[in-house]
Protein backbone atom coordinates (compact mmCIF):
# COMPACT_ATOMS: atom_id res chain seq x y z
CA MET A 1 0.09 0.17 -0.05
CA ASN A 2 1.62 3.63 -1.40
CA THR A 3 0.34 6.01 1.66
CA LYS A 4 0.99 7.86 4.93
CA PRO A 5 0.11 5.81 7.82
CA HIS A 6 -1.71 8.26 9.30
CA THR A 7 -4.45 9.41 6.92
CA ILE A 8 -5.98 5.92 7.54
CA LEU A 9 -6.44 4.88 10.72
CA TRP A 10 -9.93 5.47 10.50
CA LEU A 11 -9.55 2.33 7.77
CA ASN A 12 -8.58 0.20 11.70
CA HIS A 13 -11.89 1.23 12.94
CA PHE A 14 -13.58 0.47 9.83
CA ASN A 15 -11.96 -3.18 9.65
CA THR A 16 -13.49 -3.90 13.57
CA ASN A 17 -17.09 -2.57 12.73
CA ALA A 18 -19.59 -6.11 12.17
CA ARG A 19 -21.37 -4.36 10.14
CA PHE A 20 -19.28 -2.85 7.43
CA SER A 21 -15.78 -4.65 7.46
CA SER A 22 -17.32 -6.72 5.08
CA ILE A 23 -17.76 -3.60 2.70
CA ARG A 24 -15.78 -3.11 -0.60
CA PHE A 25 -15.70 0.10 -2.46
CA LYS A 26 -16.35 0.86 -5.70
CA VAL A 27 -15.07 4.33 -7.72
CA LEU A 28 -15.82 5.72 -10.96
CA ASN A 29 -12.94 4.96 -13.72
CA GLU A 30 -13.56 8.13 -14.98
CA CYS A 31 -12.64 9.56 -12.10
CA ASN A 32 -9.47 9.87 -9.91
CA PRO A 33 -10.21 10.34 -6.36
CA ARG A 34 -6.90 11.36 -4.20
CA LEU A 35 -8.45 8.60 -1.58
CA ASN A 36 -4.51 7.62 -0.34
CA PHE A 37 -5.69 4.07 1.34
CA ASP A 38 -5.38 0.66 0.11
CA PRO A 39 -6.46 -0.28 -3.10
CA ASP A 40 -7.38 -3.46 -1.87
CA LEU A 41 -10.25 -1.73 -1.27
CA ILE A 42 -11.20 0.01 -4.35
CA ASP A 43 -13.12 -1.05 -7.57
CA ASN A 44 -12.92 0.59 -10.71
CA VAL A 45 -15.79 0.22 -12.37
CA GLU A 46 -17.82 1.79 -15.19
CA HIS A 47 -20.99 3.95 -14.91
CA ASP A 48 -23.43 1.10 -14.66
CA THR A 49 -21.51 -0.67 -11.86
CA PHE A 50 -20.64 2.76 -10.17
CA ILE A 51 -25.03 3.41 -10.17
CA SER A 52 -26.25 0.53 -8.67
CA ILE A 53 -26.89 -1.38 -6.39
CA GLU A 54 -24.69 -3.74 -4.67
CA LYS A 55 -25.09 -5.14 -0.77
CA ASP A 56 -20.88 -5.29 -0.13
CA ARG A 57 -20.02 -2.93 -2.56
CA ILE A 58 -21.18 0.46 -2.28
CA PRO A 59 -19.94 4.30 -4.37
CA LEU A 60 -16.84 6.10 -2.60
CA PHE A 61 -16.40 9.89 -3.15
CA LEU A 62 -14.17 12.76 -1.84
CA GLY A 63 -15.46 15.26 -0.27
CA SER A 64 -12.79 18.04 0.61
CA GLN A 65 -12.60 21.73 1.05
CA PHE A 66 -13.86 22.21 -2.16
CA GLY A 67 -17.30 20.05 -2.56
CA ILE A 68 -17.33 15.75 -3.04
CA GLN A 69 -16.17 15.00 -6.65
CA PRO A 70 -17.42 13.31 -8.42
CA ARG A 71 -20.30 15.84 -7.77
CA ILE A 72 -22.99 13.29 -6.85
CA ASP A 73 -26.25 15.22 -7.79
CA ASP A 74 -24.76 15.45 -11.64
CA ILE A 75 -24.15 11.30 -11.93
CA SER A 76 -26.62 10.13 -14.19
CA GLY A 77 -28.90 7.67 -12.90
CA PHE A 78 -27.59 7.67 -9.51
CA PHE A 79 -30.44 8.52 -7.45
CA ASN A 80 -32.34 5.00 -8.25
CA GLY A 81 -33.47 4.02 -5.40
CA GLU A 82 -31.65 3.20 -1.13
CA LYS A 83 -28.20 3.04 -1.20
CA LEU A 84 -25.40 3.54 1.09
CA ILE A 85 -22.53 5.86 -0.14
CA ALA A 86 -19.46 6.41 1.52
CA ILE A 87 -17.42 9.92 1.57
CA LEU A 88 -13.77 10.13 2.66
CA GLY A 89 -13.25 13.61 4.10
CA LYS A 90 -9.73 15.10 3.79
CA SER A 91 -8.34 18.53 3.14
CA LEU A 92 -6.45 18.66 -0.09
CA LEU A 93 -4.44 22.42 0.51
CA SER A 94 -3.26 19.80 3.66
CA GLY A 95 -3.59 15.86 3.14
CA VAL A 96 -4.90 15.47 6.29
CA VAL A 97 -7.93 13.09 6.41
CA ALA A 98 -10.92 13.72 8.27
CA GLY A 99 -11.97 10.17 8.17
CA LEU A 100 -15.02 7.76 7.12
CA PHE A 101 -18.24 9.49 6.60
CA ILE A 102 -21.13 6.69 5.50
CA TYR A 103 -24.47 7.53 4.69
CA LYS A 104 -27.76 6.60 3.46
CA ILE A 105 -29.66 7.66 0.14
CA GLU A 106 -32.97 7.18 0.52
CA LYS A 107 -35.49 5.60 -2.03
CA ASN A 108 -37.45 8.76 -3.35
CA ASP A 109 -34.64 10.81 -2.78
CA LEU A 110 -33.49 12.89 -5.82
CA SER A 111 -29.84 14.64 -4.49
CA PHE A 112 -27.65 14.50 -2.20
CA SER A 113 -27.50 16.82 0.96
CA ALA A 114 -25.09 15.49 3.36
CA ALA A 115 -27.77 15.97 6.19
CA PRO A 116 -27.58 14.82 10.25
CA SER A 117 -30.40 12.79 9.16
CA GLN A 118 -28.29 10.63 6.52
CA LYS A 119 -25.09 10.08 8.47
CA VAL A 120 -25.43 5.93 8.80
CA ILE A 121 -21.87 6.02 10.36
CA PHE A 122 -18.40 8.10 10.64
CA PHE A 123 -15.01 5.98 11.15
CA ARG A 124 -12.91 9.33 12.64
CA ASN A 125 -9.40 9.27 11.50
CA GLN A 126 -7.62 8.87 14.90
């Protein structure tokens, strides 16, 4: 793994969580987020696979001071039912990682707001 150890401390909490430890992540092939964690946990996928609802694999986004990349609301067909998504909170300027947020998209959602009511869990980077 080619990363700085202090940017992946959240992964220890994630890996010991009974509900989420078996989850894998998927990122859009056309997007190259600066995620800095174990590439064995991430699958690069095409658009149709990225928006599909899967039990053990969830879309992964990068959240920074510049917003969420890729822009969730701009992904065609993304709001197609109830699903979980992951957002890695990271400063692109300093490289500091806050942790990994898991949010729930509801069945009838038409956009994403990162409202506290949508947050399922936060794996803090400590």
